[in-house]
Protein backbone atom coordinates (compact mmCIF):
# COMPACT_ATOMS: atom_id res chain seq x y z
CA MET A 1 91.81 121.79 190.11
CA SER A 2 92.08 118.69 192.24
CA ASN A 3 95.45 117.04 192.83
CA SER A 4 94.13 113.63 191.88
CA ASN A 5 91.37 112.15 189.80
CA GLU A 6 88.97 109.37 190.70
CA SER A 7 91.46 106.68 189.71
CA GLY A 8 93.98 108.10 192.14
CA LYS A 9 96.42 109.09 189.39
CA ASP A 10 97.99 112.52 189.26
CA PRO A 11 96.11 114.39 186.49
CA GLY A 12 99.01 116.73 185.85
CA THR A 13 100.30 120.01 187.12
CA THR A 14 98.36 123.23 186.82
CA ARG A 15 100.12 126.51 186.05
CA ARG A 16 99.22 127.93 189.45
CA GLU A 17 100.32 124.84 191.38
CA PHE A 18 103.60 124.41 189.55
CA LEU A 19 104.66 128.04 189.65
CA LYS A 20 103.73 128.23 193.32
CA ASP A 21 105.88 125.17 194.05
CA ALA A 22 108.73 126.47 191.90
CA GLY A 23 108.72 129.78 193.75
CA ARG A 24 109.19 128.33 197.23
CA ILE A 25 112.54 128.66 198.90
CA ALA A 26 113.78 125.46 200.46
CA ALA A 27 114.03 125.45 204.24
CA THR A 28 117.64 124.25 204.31
CA SER A 29 120.00 127.20 204.25
CA ALA A 30 122.82 127.51 201.77
CA LEU A 31 125.27 127.65 204.66
CA ALA A 32 124.03 124.35 206.02
CA ALA A 33 124.36 122.82 202.60
CA GLY A 34 127.99 123.89 202.48
CA LEU A 35 127.50 125.61 199.15
CA ALA A 36 127.26 129.25 200.14
CA PRO A 37 129.15 131.20 197.48
CA ARG A 38 131.87 133.61 198.48
CA ILE A 39 130.93 137.25 198.84
CA TYR A 40 133.02 139.40 196.53
CA ALA A 41 133.45 142.90 197.91
CA ALA A 42 133.28 145.41 195.07
CA GLY A 43 136.68 146.16 193.61
CA SER A 44 138.58 143.51 195.60
CA ALA A 45 138.48 139.75 194.97
CA MET A 46 139.04 138.27 191.52
CA ILE A 47 135.98 136.60 189.96
CA LYS A 48 136.86 133.70 187.71
CA VAL A 49 134.69 132.80 184.71
CA ALA A 50 134.35 129.62 182.64
CA LEU A 51 132.71 129.53 179.21
CA VAL A 52 130.72 126.43 178.26
CA GLY A 53 129.63 126.74 174.64
CA CYS A 54 131.97 128.84 172.49
CA GLY A 55 129.67 129.93 169.65
CA GLY A 56 128.92 133.51 168.78
CA ARG A 57 126.53 134.17 171.65
CA GLY A 58 128.78 132.50 174.21
CA THR A 59 131.76 134.49 172.99
CA GLY A 60 129.71 137.68 173.15
CA ALA A 61 128.60 136.89 176.70
CA ALA A 62 132.20 136.25 177.74
CA SER A 63 133.25 139.57 176.23
CA ASN A 64 130.49 141.35 178.16
CA ALA A 65 131.57 139.59 181.37
CA LEU A 66 135.16 140.72 180.90
CA SER A 67 133.95 144.28 180.25
CA VAL A 68 132.36 144.74 183.68
CA LYS A 69 134.22 147.51 185.52
CA ASN A 70 133.38 147.01 189.21
CA GLY A 71 136.31 144.71 190.07
CA PRO A 72 138.82 142.22 188.68
CA ILE A 73 137.46 139.40 186.51
CA LYS A 74 139.14 136.89 184.22
CA LEU A 75 138.30 133.93 181.98
CA VAL A 76 140.06 130.76 183.11
CA ALA A 77 138.43 127.85 181.24
CA MET A 78 136.56 127.12 178.00
CA SER A 79 134.66 124.11 176.71
CA ASP A 80 132.96 123.07 173.47
CA VAL A 81 132.40 119.96 171.38
CA PHE A 82 133.99 121.59 168.30
CA GLN A 83 137.69 122.44 168.33
CA ARG A 84 137.34 125.03 165.57
CA ARG A 85 134.65 126.87 167.48
CA LEU A 86 136.70 126.90 170.67
CA ASN A 87 139.77 128.19 168.82
CA ARG A 88 137.80 130.94 167.08
CA SER A 89 136.21 132.05 170.33
CA TYR A 90 139.58 132.28 172.07
CA GLN A 91 141.08 134.26 169.20
CA ASN A 92 138.18 136.72 169.16
CA LEU A 93 138.31 137.26 172.92
CA GLU A 94 142.07 137.73 172.81
CA LYS A 95 141.69 140.76 170.53
CA ASN A 96 140.00 142.90 173.20
CA HIS A 97 140.60 141.10 176.50
CA LYS A 98 144.09 139.63 176.28
CA GLN A 99 145.06 140.67 179.80
CA GLN A 100 141.97 138.97 181.24
CA LEU A 101 142.42 135.65 179.44
CA ASP A 102 144.09 132.95 181.49
CA VAL A 103 143.06 129.91 179.46
CA PRO A 104 146.08 127.76 178.61
CA LYS A 105 145.60 124.68 176.45
CA GLU A 106 145.21 122.48 179.50
CA ARG A 107 142.09 124.48 180.45
CA GLN A 108 140.53 124.30 176.98
CA PHE A 109 138.27 121.27 177.06
CA LEU A 110 136.74 119.38 174.17
CA GLY A 111 133.85 116.90 174.32
CA PHE A 112 130.54 116.26 176.02
CA ASP A 113 132.14 116.06 179.47
CA GLY A 114 134.10 119.27 178.96
CA TYR A 115 131.53 121.31 180.87
CA LYS A 116 132.42 119.45 184.07
CA LYS A 117 136.13 119.97 183.54
CA ALA A 118 135.63 123.68 182.86
CA MET A 119 133.49 124.17 185.98
CA ASP A 120 136.00 122.20 188.05
CA CYS A 121 138.48 125.03 187.35
CA LEU A 122 136.27 127.43 189.34
CA ASP A 123 135.74 127.99 193.05
CA LYS A 124 132.37 128.32 194.74
CA GLY A 125 130.91 131.71 193.92
CA ASP A 126 132.70 132.07 190.58
CA VAL A 127 130.68 132.30 187.36
CA VAL A 128 130.03 129.84 184.55
CA ILE A 129 128.50 130.90 181.24
CA LEU A 130 126.15 128.28 179.79
CA ALA A 131 125.79 128.99 176.07
CA THR A 132 125.50 125.60 174.40
CA PRO A 133 122.35 124.67 172.45
CA PRO A 134 119.44 125.04 174.92
CA ALA A 135 118.71 121.32 175.16
CA PHE A 136 121.76 120.93 177.41
CA ARG A 137 120.86 123.78 179.75
CA TRP A 138 119.34 121.67 182.51
CA VAL A 139 122.25 119.21 182.37
CA HIS A 140 124.89 121.88 182.80
CA PHE A 141 122.88 123.90 185.33
CA THR A 142 122.53 120.80 187.51
CA TYR A 143 126.32 120.51 187.75
CA ALA A 144 126.76 124.25 188.34
CA ILE A 145 124.37 124.10 191.30
CA ALA A 146 126.25 121.13 192.75
CA LYS A 147 129.48 123.12 192.47
CA GLY A 148 127.98 126.22 194.11
CA LEU A 149 128.62 128.39 191.06
CA ASN A 150 126.87 131.55 189.98
CA VAL A 151 125.59 131.27 186.43
CA PHE A 152 124.79 133.20 183.30
CA MET A 153 122.72 131.08 180.92
CA GLU A 154 121.60 132.00 177.44
CA LYS A 155 117.99 131.85 176.37
CA PRO A 156 115.88 129.83 175.83
CA VAL A 157 116.48 127.71 178.89
CA THR A 158 114.08 124.87 177.97
CA VAL A 159 112.72 123.39 174.74
CA ASP A 160 109.66 121.40 175.86
CA GLY A 161 107.36 120.69 178.80
CA PRO A 162 109.47 118.01 180.51
CA THR A 163 112.65 120.11 180.45
CA THR A 164 110.68 123.10 181.75
CA ARG A 165 109.56 121.04 184.73
CA LYS A 166 113.19 120.09 185.38
CA MET A 167 114.39 123.67 185.08
CA LEU A 168 111.75 125.03 187.45
CA LYS A 169 112.87 122.57 190.12
CA LEU A 170 116.48 123.56 189.53
CA ALA A 171 115.47 127.21 189.81
CA GLU A 172 114.07 126.57 193.26
CA GLU A 173 117.22 124.75 194.30
CA SER A 174 119.48 127.55 193.05
CA VAL A 175 117.47 130.17 194.94
CA SER A 176 117.70 128.12 198.14
CA LYS A 177 121.50 128.17 197.78
CA ASN A 178 121.62 131.93 197.16
CA LEU A 179 123.19 131.49 193.74
CA LYS A 180 123.06 134.50 191.45
CA VAL A 181 121.77 133.48 188.03
CA GLY A 182 121.22 135.64 184.99
CA VAL A 183 119.27 134.57 181.91
CA GLY A 184 120.10 136.13 178.54
CA LEU A 185 116.85 138.02 178.11
CA MET A 186 118.74 141.29 178.05
CA ILE A 187 115.63 143.31 177.14
CA ARG A 188 114.65 143.19 180.82
CA HIS A 189 117.82 145.18 181.58
CA CYS A 190 117.23 147.78 178.87
CA ARG A 191 116.90 151.11 180.69
CA GLY A 192 114.55 152.50 178.06
CA ARG A 193 112.18 149.57 178.27
CA GLN A 194 112.31 149.68 182.05
CA GLU A 195 111.10 153.27 181.92
CA LEU A 196 108.50 152.35 179.30
CA LYS A 197 107.19 149.61 181.57
CA GLN A 198 106.84 152.13 184.41
CA ARG A 199 105.02 154.59 182.16
CA ILE A 200 102.60 151.90 181.00
CA ASP A 201 101.98 150.82 184.61
CA ASP A 202 101.37 154.47 185.51
CA GLY A 203 98.61 154.65 182.88
CA GLU A 204 100.30 156.80 180.25
CA ILE A 205 98.61 154.89 177.39
CA GLY A 206 95.67 153.61 179.43
CA ASN A 207 94.92 149.91 179.80
CA ILE A 208 96.57 147.66 177.22
CA ILE A 209 93.92 146.18 174.93
CA ALA A 210 96.15 144.42 172.38
CA MET A 211 99.75 143.94 171.30
CA HIS A 212 101.36 142.94 168.03
CA ALA A 213 104.94 142.01 167.14
CA TYR A 214 106.91 140.95 164.08
CA ARG A 215 110.18 139.23 163.25
CA MET A 216 110.33 138.72 159.50
CA ALA A 217 113.54 138.18 157.56
CA GLY A 218 115.11 135.87 154.99
CA ARG A 219 115.42 132.11 154.89
CA ALA A 220 117.13 130.77 158.00
CA SER A 221 117.71 127.75 160.25
CA THR A 222 118.10 125.27 157.40
CA ALA A 223 120.00 121.99 157.22
CA GLY A 224 121.10 120.03 154.20
CA PRO A 225 122.11 116.36 154.18
CA LYS A 226 124.79 115.49 156.72
CA PRO A 227 128.25 115.79 155.17
CA ASP A 228 130.90 113.13 155.52
CA GLY A 229 133.38 113.39 158.35
CA ILE A 230 130.98 114.30 161.14
CA SER A 231 128.72 112.13 163.27
CA GLU A 232 124.97 112.49 163.13
CA VAL A 233 124.73 113.78 166.69
CA LEU A 234 127.47 116.38 166.18
CA TYR A 235 125.89 117.47 162.91
CA GLN A 236 122.57 118.11 164.62
CA ILE A 237 124.32 120.07 167.38
CA GLN A 238 126.23 122.06 164.77
CA ARG A 239 122.96 122.96 163.01
CA PHE A 240 120.98 123.21 166.25
CA HIS A 241 118.53 125.87 165.04
CA ALA A 242 117.27 123.36 162.50
CA PHE A 243 116.25 120.74 165.05
CA LEU A 244 113.55 121.03 167.71
CA TRP A 245 115.28 118.77 170.25
CA ALA A 246 118.42 120.91 170.30
CA SER A 247 117.01 124.43 170.35
CA GLY A 248 113.23 124.46 170.20
CA GLY A 249 113.82 125.48 166.60
CA MET A 250 113.77 128.89 164.99
CA TYR A 251 110.60 129.77 166.90
CA SER A 252 112.08 129.39 170.36
CA ASP A 253 115.46 130.93 169.66
CA TYR A 254 114.38 133.86 167.47
CA TYR A 255 111.00 134.89 168.86
CA ILE A 256 111.50 134.60 172.61
CA HIS A 257 112.70 138.17 173.19
CA GLN A 258 109.66 139.87 171.71
CA ILE A 259 107.20 137.48 173.31
CA ASP A 260 108.97 138.13 176.61
CA GLU A 261 109.03 141.92 176.27
CA CYS A 262 105.35 142.08 175.33
CA SER A 263 104.36 139.84 178.24
CA TRP A 264 106.49 141.97 180.55
CA MET A 265 104.68 145.11 179.44
CA ARG A 266 101.37 143.32 179.89
CA GLY A 267 102.37 142.13 183.37
CA ALA A 268 101.31 138.51 182.82
CA TRP A 269 102.04 135.32 180.92
CA PRO A 270 99.59 134.10 178.27
CA VAL A 271 97.31 131.27 179.33
CA GLU A 272 96.72 129.81 175.87
CA ALA A 273 97.77 130.04 172.26
CA GLN A 274 96.33 129.17 168.88
CA ALA A 275 98.42 129.44 165.74
CA SER A 276 99.00 128.57 162.15
CA GLY A 277 102.10 128.15 160.03
CA GLY A 278 103.58 126.07 157.30
CA ARG A 279 106.54 125.00 155.19
CA HIS A 280 106.37 126.74 151.83
CA THR A 281 109.87 127.74 150.77
CA ARG A 282 112.16 125.41 152.71
CA GLY A 283 113.40 123.94 149.44
CA ASN A 284 115.65 120.94 149.99
CA SER A 285 116.31 121.78 153.63
CA LEU A 286 115.83 118.87 156.04
CA ASP A 287 115.16 121.05 159.08
CA GLN A 288 112.04 120.80 161.26
CA ASN A 289 110.98 124.47 161.20
CA PHE A 290 108.04 126.12 159.53
CA ASP A 291 109.03 129.16 157.52
CA ASN A 292 106.13 131.25 158.82
CA TYR A 293 104.21 131.39 162.09
CA SER A 294 101.14 133.40 163.10
CA ILE A 295 100.23 133.13 166.77
CA GLU A 296 97.40 134.52 168.85
CA TYR A 297 98.35 134.52 172.53
CA THR A 298 95.61 135.14 175.09
CA TYR A 299 96.32 136.63 178.53
CA PRO A 300 94.24 135.92 181.65
CA ASP A 301 91.93 138.90 181.08
CA GLY A 302 91.40 138.08 177.40
CA THR A 303 93.94 140.58 176.04
CA LYS A 304 95.67 139.34 172.89
CA LEU A 305 99.23 139.37 171.56
CA PHE A 306 99.41 138.74 167.82
CA TYR A 307 102.86 137.53 166.84
CA TYR A 308 104.08 137.08 163.27
CA GLY A 309 107.30 135.31 162.41
CA ARG A 310 108.61 134.62 158.93
CA ALA A 311 111.86 133.33 157.40
CA MET A 312 111.22 133.69 153.66
CA SER A 313 113.58 135.51 151.33
CA GLY A 314 112.11 138.18 149.06
CA CYS A 315 109.32 139.13 151.47
CA LYS A 316 108.85 142.35 153.42
CA GLY A 317 111.05 142.46 156.49
CA ALA A 318 109.98 143.61 159.94
CA PHE A 319 111.37 143.51 163.48
CA SER A 320 109.17 145.43 165.91
CA SER A 321 106.77 145.23 168.85
CA TYR A 322 103.82 147.45 169.79
CA ALA A 323 101.28 147.90 172.58
CA LEU A 324 97.85 149.48 172.03
CA GLY A 325 96.11 151.06 175.02
CA THR A 326 92.78 152.70 175.69
CA LYS A 327 94.38 156.16 175.61
CA GLY A 328 97.46 155.70 173.46
CA SER A 329 100.10 153.34 172.12
CA ALA A 330 103.72 152.37 172.64
CA VAL A 331 106.67 151.16 170.58
CA ILE A 332 108.45 148.40 172.51
CA SER A 333 110.98 147.53 169.79
CA THR A 334 111.72 149.57 166.68
CA ASN A 335 113.76 147.46 164.29
CA SER A 336 116.01 145.31 166.49
CA HIS A 337 116.56 144.31 170.10
CA TYR A 338 119.03 147.18 170.50
CA PRO A 339 118.62 150.10 170.33
CA GLY A 340 114.96 149.78 171.28
CA LYS A 341 114.14 153.46 170.67
CA VAL A 342 111.00 153.04 172.78
CA ARG A 343 108.34 155.74 172.80
CA THR A 344 104.71 156.46 173.59
CA TYR A 345 101.95 158.21 171.62
CA LYS A 346 98.52 159.70 172.10
CA GLY A 347 96.02 157.47 170.32
CA HIS A 348 96.96 154.70 167.91
CA ASN A 349 98.24 156.86 165.09
CA MET A 350 101.99 156.82 165.81
CA SER A 351 102.77 160.15 164.17
CA ARG A 352 105.29 162.75 165.24
CA GLU A 353 102.63 165.18 166.39
CA ASN A 354 101.13 162.51 168.68
CA LEU A 355 104.43 161.69 170.38
CA ILE A 356 104.29 161.79 174.20
CA TRP A 357 107.76 160.53 175.16
CA ARG A 358 110.81 158.84 173.72
CA PHE A 359 113.86 157.44 175.49
CA PRO A 360 116.99 159.57 174.85
CA GLN A 361 119.54 158.31 172.36
CA PRO A 362 122.12 156.85 172.33
CA GLU A 363 120.96 154.31 174.88
CA PRO A 364 123.10 151.93 176.97
CA ASN A 365 123.71 148.46 175.53
CA PRO A 366 121.47 145.93 177.36
CA TYR A 367 123.85 143.06 176.55
CA GLN A 368 126.39 144.82 178.76
CA LEU A 369 123.85 146.00 181.33
CA GLU A 370 122.70 142.46 182.11
CA TRP A 371 126.28 141.57 183.00
CA ASP A 372 126.83 144.75 184.99
CA ASP A 373 123.72 143.91 187.00
CA LEU A 374 124.70 140.26 187.55
CA ILE A 375 128.25 140.97 188.71
CA ASP A 376 127.02 143.78 190.94
CA ALA A 377 124.63 141.31 192.59
CA ILE A 378 127.47 138.82 193.09
CA ARG A 379 129.88 141.36 194.58
CA ASN A 380 127.25 142.89 196.86
CA ASP A 381 125.24 139.74 197.65
CA LYS A 382 121.97 141.09 196.26
CA PRO A 383 119.05 138.72 195.52
CA TYR A 384 119.36 137.88 191.82
CA ASN A 385 117.93 134.82 190.13
CA GLU A 386 116.16 134.94 186.75
CA VAL A 387 115.78 131.20 186.13
CA LYS A 388 112.11 130.81 187.02
CA ARG A 389 111.14 133.68 184.73
CA GLY A 390 113.40 132.31 181.99
CA ALA A 391 111.78 128.89 182.24
CA GLU A 392 108.29 130.37 182.17
CA VAL A 393 108.86 132.41 179.01
CA SER A 394 110.59 129.43 177.40
CA LEU A 395 107.42 127.46 178.09
CA VAL A 396 105.28 130.27 176.64
CA ASN A 397 107.37 129.91 173.49
CA THR A 398 106.81 126.16 173.52
CA MET A 399 103.08 126.80 173.91
CA GLY A 400 102.90 128.95 170.75
CA ARG A 401 105.18 126.72 168.72
CA MET A 402 103.24 123.62 169.76
CA ALA A 403 99.97 125.30 168.79
CA ALA A 404 101.31 125.89 165.27
CA HIS A 405 102.88 122.46 164.95
CA THR A 406 99.84 120.52 166.17
CA GLY A 407 97.01 122.76 164.94
CA GLN A 408 95.44 122.70 168.41
CA VAL A 409 94.74 125.31 171.07
CA ILE A 410 97.53 124.85 173.60
CA THR A 411 97.19 126.09 177.17
CA PHE A 412 100.02 126.84 179.57
CA GLU A 413 99.13 123.70 181.55
CA LYS A 414 98.99 121.49 178.46
CA ALA A 415 102.42 122.63 177.32
CA LEU A 416 103.84 122.21 180.83
CA ASN A 417 102.42 118.70 181.22
CA CYS A 418 103.17 117.45 177.71
CA LYS A 419 104.93 114.08 178.03
CA HIS A 420 106.96 114.39 174.82
CA GLU A 421 110.54 115.06 175.91
CA PHE A 422 112.43 115.66 172.69
CA ALA A 423 115.79 114.32 173.86
CA PRO A 424 115.80 112.35 177.13
CA GLY A 425 119.10 111.23 178.59
CA LEU A 426 121.23 114.17 177.45
CA ASP A 427 123.20 113.99 180.69
CA LYS A 428 124.62 110.69 179.40
CA MET A 429 125.37 111.79 175.81
CA THR A 430 128.80 111.02 174.34
CA ASN A 431 130.40 111.32 170.92
CA ASP A 432 129.24 107.78 170.20
CA SER A 433 125.62 108.29 171.27
CA PRO A 434 122.86 107.97 168.68
CA ALA A 435 121.34 111.27 167.63
CA PRO A 436 118.02 112.17 169.29
CA LEU A 437 116.49 112.60 165.80
CA ARG A 438 116.67 109.91 163.11
CA LEU A 439 116.23 110.06 159.36
CA ASN A 440 113.18 108.23 158.06
CA SER A 441 113.07 105.82 155.13
CA ASP A 442 112.85 108.76 152.72
CA GLY A 443 116.10 110.22 154.02
CA LYS A 444 114.33 113.08 155.80
CA TYR A 445 113.89 114.11 159.40
CA PRO A 446 110.34 114.11 160.78
CA VAL A 447 108.50 117.44 160.61
CA PRO A 448 105.35 118.67 162.36
CA GLN A 449 102.03 117.54 160.91
CA PRO A 450 99.27 119.87 162.17
CA GLY A 451 95.93 118.13 162.62
CA ILE A 452 97.52 114.70 162.23
CA LEU A 453 99.89 114.69 165.20
CA LYS A 454 97.81 116.51 167.81
CA ASP A 455 99.57 115.82 171.12
CA ARG A 456 103.22 116.00 170.04
CA GLU A 457 105.15 118.13 167.60
CA TYR A 458 106.71 115.33 165.53
């Protein structure tokens, strides 16, 4: 595809061009930039950690960080926009990691600028955990790079095309500065799935011809009318799964792991998606999600992934992923992210007598393994940066979600080049800022309108 059209305007970025650019390592060395992180010899120097975003996942990530055994590590700063959440996180961490908590009140920061204050408590080469709603990921990562900090960021790392473009540029910058960055797609660190991937690549089930995956559970990610005593912007952050600008919605936050693991097994990202979905049982909820999604992802060779997501109480539940090959089949997830209980079979009838291999149980916890791997890379200066891959799969999620919300076929390039940034200016947000999403005259937030709004999700 040409870089310019006849009018001389840039027609947009293609997948190949953008990912090629994002993968380049800048010529300027980290040493010359003055941001080379310290090298932590295993078992010697203390690694300090700051937690930005003290919800359940952030607290869990901090606990995993403090559980790494290859050298001293401690938590020295915490930040959130909700005092109750920060207090609860500290209390939970204190139960199991009291000796590794060094977070006095003066290093517990509240407010939208708290992330800067928390990172300012670290030295170059220390680690910051970014676990706020995903919309803020690029804002906080920008500051972490400027400070020369290693990073663990939760998934998803972007919520739309414009923020994906920002994150891919930041990924390139972080690689050029030799920063070690983990992304919370812990399935990639699951030892069972790693072996399954090798077996698939070695031809144990033949060539993959199709995949299918399911995450179906009860009603979730809802939001009622804003209660008194909280601002509109803080309410939307508090209920971030309900709002596309904050999280990418239920689709992005809940479905990303299985879409990632299937694409990993396939060895490629999808190039397009078509989908359907709808709001049937949302009741009085004012959220922006559909309560069911059916997506057909197409890979470069035409192979399909059929993904089914549902959040409707009273319906059959499912949480699993499968690959079908020309000679056999594989279970990628059984009934949760962990334990995966992965296995392979002869043919497509997954019966006991057709079993080829299963990963031994009990299996190591991938939530801990991803931290073991990250800290090992920091202490031993191993190449380790998962941001580009995290941004790509976040965009693949956007692609499927956008296909359902617009009713159109959405390609990787169309999602990447979409001009609709859900929440511009988040780096300037304060407690007094207007919320990125406004109620309409009916007292409701805008929702997707497939076939009516074709080039934006709301």
